[in-house]
């Protein structure tokens, strides 16, 4: 069996029971899965009898999910592109859904594939693109000056040592010492003094990944379109993995509810149980928020 197929078989979607309970898919309903990935959540929605339209910018993910969900081909369709672009097209075309799901951030497929350069241990170019339509992380580093790079690391990585890290990265890159993700991570480690409970490059890698893929801009566009995307009574479920995402989701849902564009929304996020966090460590930072039109 191919390694990528093993990944599909072993993939555990986060908060699966909570997603199904809040999304509540029913036969005959249409659900838009904005972050199809390997199709874990979509499989459960399809098993409940609903129709799913899945979006993914990653051609590998689209192919794997299509294969995995082939038994539901009559009720499953996939659309290529960023979810913001596809969602805005749906709104312009008057297309509405009974459910909308967005499981944000980098997918397990992308993170576990060391050939993509998302991991601090990857011995390949730090690409970090979720699709093929943007500059990669190394191009971004080269294009930005030191101050611009520091701003991205601070804003998207919430890294207080951003200026020191940016200075070290630019110097090492000029010396030809940063060509792989692992080399980039090593430069950041040397720039951060003292012992750290987590690898000090993780925040910088998060920042670069978010910038390369315009993740927060994509999320803002989805949140703006959300009320028009839902049918009356339609449900939206959004799962975030860090405070930058969760804050945007929380504030947008609050504003939509205050303006009467949605009728109800979660007051507090749903988080993974201790049992799930132990079985699937990536669920530990997940926060689920829901809304009803």
Protein backbone atom coordinates (compact mmCIF):
# COMPACT_ATOMS: atom_id res chain seq x y z
CA UNK A 1 0.00 0.00 0.00
CA UNK A 2 1.26 3.47 -0.85
CA UNK A 3 2.25 5.71 2.14
CA UNK A 4 -0.37 8.31 1.19
CA UNK A 5 -3.05 5.62 1.19
CA UNK A 6 -1.86 4.52 4.61
CA UNK A 7 -2.29 8.14 5.73
CA UNK A 8 -5.90 8.12 4.52
CA UNK A 9 -6.63 4.88 6.35
CA UNK A 10 -5.08 6.16 9.58
CA UNK A 11 -6.36 9.74 9.37
CA UNK A 12 -8.46 10.79 12.36
CA UNK A 13 -10.63 13.88 11.85
CA UNK A 14 -10.79 16.10 14.92
CA UNK A 15 -13.94 16.33 17.03
CA UNK A 16 -15.87 13.92 14.78
CA UNK A 17 -18.82 13.33 17.13
CA UNK A 18 -19.08 17.02 17.95
CA UNK A 19 -19.04 17.98 14.27
CA UNK A 20 -21.85 15.55 13.48
CA UNK A 21 -23.91 16.69 16.48
CA UNK A 22 -23.68 20.39 15.63
CA UNK A 23 -23.78 20.11 11.84
CA UNK A 24 -26.62 17.56 12.14
CA UNK A 25 -26.64 16.44 8.48
CA UNK A 26 -29.84 14.79 7.27
CA UNK A 27 -30.84 12.92 4.10
CA UNK A 28 -31.59 15.31 1.26
CA UNK A 29 -29.55 18.19 2.70
CA UNK A 30 -26.57 19.77 0.97
CA UNK A 31 -23.38 20.38 2.94
CA UNK A 32 -20.37 22.42 1.82
CA UNK A 33 -17.09 21.07 3.20
CA UNK A 34 -14.75 24.02 2.74
CA UNK A 35 -11.64 22.06 3.76
CA UNK A 36 -12.10 18.59 2.27
CA UNK A 37 -8.62 17.26 3.05
CA UNK A 38 -8.68 13.46 3.10
CA UNK A 39 -12.45 13.40 3.45
CA UNK A 40 -12.79 12.27 7.06
CA UNK A 41 -15.60 14.63 8.00
CA UNK A 42 -17.19 14.38 4.55
CA UNK A 43 -17.41 10.58 4.86
CA UNK A 44 -19.49 10.88 8.04
CA UNK A 45 -21.77 13.53 6.50
CA UNK A 46 -22.31 11.34 3.44
CA UNK A 47 -22.99 8.30 5.62
CA UNK A 48 -25.78 10.32 7.28
CA UNK A 49 -27.46 10.65 3.88
CA UNK A 50 -26.58 14.23 2.97
CA UNK A 51 -24.98 15.45 -0.26
CA UNK A 52 -21.50 16.97 0.04
CA UNK A 53 -19.66 19.50 -2.08
CA UNK A 54 -16.01 19.46 -1.03
CA UNK A 55 -13.43 22.17 -1.67
CA UNK A 56 -9.66 21.83 -1.58
CA UNK A 57 -6.83 23.77 -3.16
CA UNK A 58 -4.49 20.76 -2.89
CA UNK A 59 -4.73 18.45 -5.94
CA UNK A 60 -3.32 15.50 -3.97
CA UNK A 61 -6.00 15.89 -1.30
CA UNK A 62 -8.74 16.13 -3.94
CA UNK A 63 -7.58 12.93 -5.60
CA UNK A 64 -7.30 11.00 -2.34
CA UNK A 65 -10.68 12.16 -1.06
CA UNK A 66 -12.35 11.36 -4.38
CA UNK A 67 -11.00 7.83 -4.19
CA UNK A 68 -11.96 7.41 -0.57
CA UNK A 69 -15.51 8.66 -1.16
CA UNK A 70 -16.10 6.88 -4.48
CA UNK A 71 -19.00 4.84 -3.05
CA UNK A 72 -20.89 8.12 -2.58
CA UNK A 73 -20.14 9.45 -6.07
CA UNK A 74 -23.80 10.20 -6.72
CA UNK A 75 -23.93 12.53 -3.70
CA UNK A 76 -20.38 13.85 -3.67
CA UNK A 77 -18.71 16.50 -5.83
CA UNK A 78 -15.34 18.20 -5.47
CA UNK A 79 -14.35 21.71 -6.49
CA UNK A 80 -10.79 22.93 -6.94
CA UNK A 81 -9.51 26.20 -5.55
CA UNK A 82 -9.30 28.12 -2.32
CA UNK A 83 -12.41 27.96 -0.20
CA UNK A 84 -12.76 31.75 -0.24
CA UNK A 85 -12.87 31.82 -4.05
CA UNK A 86 -15.35 28.93 -4.29
CA UNK A 87 -17.57 30.30 -1.51
CA UNK A 88 -17.76 33.72 -3.14
CA UNK A 89 -18.66 32.06 -6.46
CA UNK A 90 -21.44 30.15 -4.69
CA UNK A 91 -22.85 33.36 -3.21
CA UNK A 92 -22.71 35.16 -6.56
CA UNK A 93 -24.51 32.24 -8.21
CA UNK A 94 -27.19 32.07 -5.52
CA UNK A 95 -26.07 28.64 -4.34
CA UNK A 96 -27.05 27.87 -0.73
CA UNK A 97 -26.31 25.04 1.68
CA UNK A 98 -27.98 23.46 4.69
CA UNK A 99 -24.61 23.00 6.33
CA UNK A 100 -21.15 24.56 6.01
CA UNK A 101 -18.04 23.01 7.57
CA UNK A 102 -14.53 24.47 7.78
CA UNK A 103 -11.75 22.54 9.52
CA UNK A 104 -9.07 25.22 9.34
CA UNK A 105 -5.29 25.17 9.20
CA UNK A 106 -2.81 22.74 7.68
CA UNK A 107 -4.05 19.22 6.98
CA UNK A 108 -2.49 16.03 8.30
CA UNK A 109 -1.68 15.07 4.71
CA UNK A 110 0.37 18.21 4.18
CA UNK A 111 2.04 18.19 7.58
CA UNK A 112 3.04 14.53 7.42
CA UNK A 113 4.42 14.73 3.88
CA UNK A 114 8.00 15.83 4.50
CA UNK A 115 8.38 16.51 0.79
CA UNK A 116 6.11 19.56 1.19
CA UNK A 117 8.41 21.37 3.63
CA UNK A 118 5.80 22.11 6.31
CA UNK A 119 7.68 20.22 9.02
CA UNK A 120 10.65 21.54 10.95
CA UNK A 121 12.32 18.17 10.29
CA UNK A 122 11.94 18.20 6.51
CA UNK A 123 15.19 17.94 4.56
CA UNK A 124 13.62 19.68 1.56
CA UNK A 125 12.95 23.24 0.48
CA UNK A 126 10.49 24.94 2.88
CA UNK A 127 7.67 25.18 0.36
CA UNK A 128 4.61 25.28 2.70
CA UNK A 129 2.13 25.92 -0.11
CA UNK A 130 -1.24 24.20 0.26
CA UNK A 131 -1.78 24.52 -3.47
CA UNK A 132 0.38 25.58 -6.40
CA UNK A 133 -0.78 29.15 -6.92
CA UNK A 134 1.51 31.23 -4.68
CA UNK A 135 5.11 31.91 -3.85
CA UNK A 136 6.58 29.42 -1.42
CA UNK A 137 8.06 30.20 2.00
CA UNK A 138 11.63 30.56 0.79
CA UNK A 139 10.54 32.94 -1.97
CA UNK A 140 8.65 34.94 0.67
CA UNK A 141 11.74 35.13 2.88
CA UNK A 142 13.82 36.33 -0.06
CA UNK A 143 11.25 38.94 -1.14
CA UNK A 144 10.76 40.54 2.26
CA UNK A 145 13.26 42.77 3.97
CA UNK A 146 14.21 42.05 7.57
CA UNK A 147 11.52 44.32 9.03
CA UNK A 148 8.79 42.84 6.84
CA UNK A 149 9.79 39.31 7.77
CA UNK A 150 9.84 40.22 11.46
CA UNK A 151 6.34 41.69 11.18
CA UNK A 152 4.96 38.45 9.71
CA UNK A 153 6.65 36.32 12.37
CA UNK A 154 5.28 38.58 15.11
CA UNK A 155 1.75 38.96 13.74
CA UNK A 156 1.11 35.42 12.52
CA UNK A 157 3.36 33.49 14.89
CA UNK A 158 2.82 35.67 17.98
CA UNK A 159 6.58 35.44 18.43
CA UNK A 160 8.04 38.07 20.78
CA UNK A 161 11.59 37.49 19.45
CA UNK A 162 10.53 38.09 15.86
CA UNK A 163 13.15 40.72 15.08
CA UNK A 164 16.02 38.62 16.33
CA UNK A 165 14.72 35.61 14.41
CA UNK A 166 14.19 37.58 11.20
CA UNK A 167 17.70 39.00 11.43
CA UNK A 168 19.17 35.52 11.85
CA UNK A 169 17.15 34.07 8.97
CA UNK A 170 18.08 36.85 6.54
CA UNK A 171 21.75 36.63 7.48
CA UNK A 172 21.82 32.84 7.14
CA UNK A 173 19.96 32.98 3.85
CA UNK A 174 22.43 35.53 2.47
CA UNK A 175 25.24 33.17 3.46
CA UNK A 176 23.57 30.27 1.66
CA UNK A 177 22.94 28.41 4.90
CA UNK A 178 19.14 28.06 4.60
CA UNK A 179 17.94 25.82 1.80
CA UNK A 180 15.82 23.25 3.63
CA UNK A 181 13.08 23.39 6.25
CA UNK A 182 15.35 21.66 8.77
CA UNK A 183 18.09 24.24 8.18
CA UNK A 184 15.56 27.05 8.64
CA UNK A 185 14.39 25.49 11.91
CA UNK A 186 17.98 25.19 13.12
CA UNK A 187 18.61 28.89 12.46
CA UNK A 188 15.55 29.81 14.51
CA UNK A 189 16.59 27.50 17.34
CA UNK A 190 19.98 29.19 17.56
CA UNK A 191 18.31 32.61 17.63
CA UNK A 192 16.12 31.77 20.63
CA UNK A 193 18.02 31.57 23.93
CA UNK A 194 17.38 29.09 26.71
CA UNK A 195 15.46 25.84 26.88
CA UNK A 196 12.01 25.82 25.28
CA UNK A 197 9.26 23.25 26.04
CA UNK A 198 8.37 23.21 22.32
CA UNK A 199 10.69 23.65 19.36
CA UNK A 200 11.17 27.44 19.07
CA UNK A 201 10.79 27.31 15.28
CA UNK A 202 7.16 26.15 15.41
CA UNK A 203 5.79 29.67 15.78
CA UNK A 204 7.93 30.95 12.90
CA UNK A 205 6.86 28.05 10.68
CA UNK A 206 3.21 28.76 11.52
CA UNK A 207 3.70 32.42 10.59
CA UNK A 208 5.33 31.64 7.25
CA UNK A 209 2.68 29.04 6.39
CA UNK A 210 -0.15 31.45 7.18
CA UNK A 211 1.46 34.19 5.09
CA UNK A 212 2.23 31.95 2.11
CA UNK A 213 -1.33 30.63 1.95
CA UNK A 214 -3.14 33.83 3.02
CA UNK A 215 -4.95 31.70 5.59
CA UNK A 216 -6.39 34.54 7.64
CA UNK A 217 -7.49 36.46 4.56
CA UNK A 218 -9.20 33.32 3.29
CA UNK A 219 -10.95 32.88 6.64
CA UNK A 220 -12.13 36.51 6.73
CA UNK A 221 -13.71 36.11 3.28
CA UNK A 222 -15.49 32.91 4.32
CA UNK A 223 -16.81 34.50 7.51
CA UNK A 224 -18.09 37.53 5.61
CA UNK A 225 -19.99 35.32 3.16
CA UNK A 226 -21.30 32.83 5.71
CA UNK A 227 -24.86 34.14 6.26
CA UNK A 228 -25.55 34.34 2.52
CA UNK A 229 -24.09 30.86 2.03
CA UNK A 230 -26.59 29.22 4.40
CA UNK A 231 -30.25 28.38 3.85
CA UNK A 232 -32.65 29.60 6.57
CA UNK A 233 -32.03 27.28 9.51
CA UNK A 234 -28.72 26.18 7.99
CA UNK A 235 -25.85 25.31 10.34
CA UNK A 236 -22.19 26.31 10.16
CA UNK A 237 -19.36 24.57 12.01
CA UNK A 238 -15.86 26.07 12.13
CA UNK A 239 -12.85 24.43 13.79
CA UNK A 240 -9.78 26.53 14.54
CA UNK A 241 -6.39 25.53 15.91
CA UNK A 242 -4.81 28.72 17.17
CA UNK A 243 -5.91 31.99 18.72
CA UNK A 244 -5.58 34.04 15.52
CA UNK A 245 -8.23 31.91 13.83
CA UNK A 246 -10.49 31.43 16.83
CA UNK A 247 -10.59 35.15 17.62
CA UNK A 248 -11.71 35.94 14.06
CA UNK A 249 -14.40 33.27 14.14
CA UNK A 250 -15.68 34.38 17.55
CA UNK A 251 -15.90 38.06 16.62
CA UNK A 252 -17.44 37.45 13.19
CA UNK A 253 -20.18 35.22 14.59
CA UNK A 254 -20.87 37.75 17.33
CA UNK A 255 -21.19 40.54 14.76
CA UNK A 256 -23.42 38.48 12.47
CA UNK A 257 -25.72 37.63 15.36
CA UNK A 258 -25.85 41.21 16.57
CA UNK A 259 -26.83 42.37 13.08
CA UNK A 260 -29.50 39.67 12.76
CA UNK A 261 -27.72 37.87 9.92
CA UNK A 262 -27.65 34.65 11.98
CA UNK A 263 -30.12 33.57 14.66
CA UNK A 264 -27.83 31.75 17.07
CA UNK A 265 -24.15 31.01 17.68
CA UNK A 266 -21.95 29.23 20.19
CA UNK A 267 -21.18 31.32 23.26
CA UNK A 268 -18.20 29.12 24.11
CA UNK A 269 -16.04 26.84 21.97
CA UNK A 270 -16.32 23.07 22.09
CA UNK A 271 -12.98 21.37 22.74
CA UNK A 272 -11.74 17.80 22.54
CA UNK A 273 -12.15 15.43 25.45
CA UNK A 274 -9.09 14.14 27.28
CA UNK A 275 -9.69 10.77 25.64
CA UNK A 276 -9.65 12.21 22.13
CA UNK A 277 -6.63 14.41 22.85
CA UNK A 278 -4.72 11.35 24.01
CA UNK A 279 -5.72 9.33 20.94
CA UNK A 280 -5.26 12.20 18.47
CA UNK A 281 -2.83 14.84 19.79
CA UNK A 282 -3.67 17.25 16.97
CA UNK A 283 -7.15 17.65 18.45
CA UNK A 284 -5.77 19.12 21.68
CA UNK A 285 -5.74 22.69 20.37
CA UNK A 286 -8.96 22.43 18.34
CA UNK A 287 -11.85 24.78 19.10
CA UNK A 288 -15.24 24.27 17.46
CA UNK A 289 -17.72 27.12 17.12
CA UNK A 290 -21.12 26.81 15.47
CA UNK A 291 -23.78 29.13 14.12
CA UNK A 292 -27.35 28.85 12.82
CA UNK A 293 -28.87 31.12 10.22
